[in-house]
Each structure stands twice: as C-alpha cells, then as structure tokens.
C-alpha cells in the first residue's frame, strides 16, 4: 500500500501526505469481500436469462421509468439530440442501476475500493484487484480536484456512485455537467446523471438512429452464428447469406454496421433467446459487460416507451 501511495502521488502529482492520510483512513469492508467472493459452494452458477430479465424488466421500473421520463423530458430530449442516445435507453439504465435513485448504495467508496484493491477475495482474478486499485487512484485524484470528498462519498459495494452508478474512472472520463453549473453531481442532480449516461454511451460507440437489436429473422439453426465477446464479429451480407431475413421495411442504417448474433441462454429452463445485436448493444456492454444486462436495458427501454404510448 505504501508503494501504491508513492506511485499514485508521483503519477498524478498528488501530495503524498494527502494520499497516505486517505489510505490510512480506509476501513476493511467485509461485506464487499463477501459479495465479491467466488461462489464455489454449489459449483458454477447456471445462466438464467428468464429470471434475470424478470428482476430487471419489472412493473416498478416500468412505472417509475415513465414518471421519470415525464419529469425530465426536456433534459432527456436535449441529451438525446446531442449524443444520439434515445431517451428510453438513458431512462432504462438509471432504472436498472438504482431504480431512479432509490438504491445508490451506503458503502463508503474509499473503504470499498481500498479493500478490493488490496484484499480482493479471488486470487485467480488478479486483473480484478488491479482494476479496483486503478479506481482507487482515480478516486484520490477526484478528491484532490475537489470533484468529490473521498472521506464521505458513498456508493455500491463495488464502488459505483450516484444515480447512474459510475465508478470513479467513469466519473473522471465520461461524466457531463447537465445543467451547466460548473460541477458534476451524480448523487442528487438528475440533469448531470442523464447527461453522463448519454455521454458515456456516445463515447463508447453509440451509433445514432440504429436500434440495439437489428429487426431480423434468424435462420432455423442460429447457434452456428452465435458469438462471444464485446465486439461484433459479423455483418449483414454474411448474415443474409446464412439465411437471415430483415422483417421490417424502413430505415436500414443498421445494415451497414458490424453485427453480432448473441444467445441469451437460460440453463435452468433450457431455453435460448437468439438476437442480432448492433454496435449499440455492445456500447451498453461497456457499462456492464453482461449480455443479460445490455439486453435488459433494451427490453426495459422498450417497455417504458410502450408505457409512455410513444
């Protein structure tokens, strides 16, 4: 930890005494360790798309999402026009992350990131420990810049903060000042939260006027087309040659994009939900690397849009 303090101080031009003071002030967060520990009691956790979707695309988020959209229509419209990200997608992300600010977390971020950065519970994942150390360094920089107070700021058990649950690195690099007051407050300023979600997705490759999922009918055995990873690996000509058909007429900008066929598998129910994902699906996976998460964002966005009657 002393070596980390010296390295962070030198790399980011922070007073070493301040860095050491903050690190010494951190307390071990046993809950974060418990929640991050690998689940080995019953072996590998089976993928369960149906129950995952049900938890996230639920009546409460749909109802509150419509109300959130109504209350913040002007900001959502302005950010959408600037970034190309649809209002419904931004609303859905904030809904899935915190149910519109209801659950933002009560763990002190300094404690969480220091614990996971130096006492990560899974020794087989050194890259995860390194990631949390980097986030800790970013937190120390933000504290020095006066963006937040590292002694008091709270977030999730993983260190995510505010309505959109930004990690310190995302706050530093992608957050936006939504109401032009010269500061960014993701905990209590809805305009900043909306603008930051739009900014994050735009900077991670969101393509204007392209849906999250291409409107296609996949061939009878789509499993041979399925990909893994966070980058689309095929395109429309190859999918069309494999028997994929477009199912609606109208704007077809998606046909010029890289595409990827994904399998939202439910191992408990032995089902497969095959979809054709566009770059916008993969932009959402930068927010959370789970295919289930990105698909739930798209499905919740559609459900809220239907609720709005638009």
Foldseek 3Di string as FASTA:
>chain_A
DLVLLVVLCVVLVNPSVLSVVLLVLADADVVLQVVQADDPPVHDDFFALVVLLPVQLDPLLLVLLLVVCVVCVVLLVVLCVVQLDHSLLLSSLLCRQDNQQPPFFAAQLSRLLSNLLPPRNDPVCPVRNVVSSVLNSLLSSCCVVVLDPSSGAGGHSNRFGASNRHGSVLCVPQFDDQVPPPGADRHPDVSRSSNSVSRLLSVLDDDHPDAFFAQKDADPDCPVQADDDLDADAAQVVRVVNPIGHDDDDDDPQRVFRKHWHWSARPVVGDTDITIGGNSLSSVCVSPVDNSVSVSSNVSSVSSCVVNVD
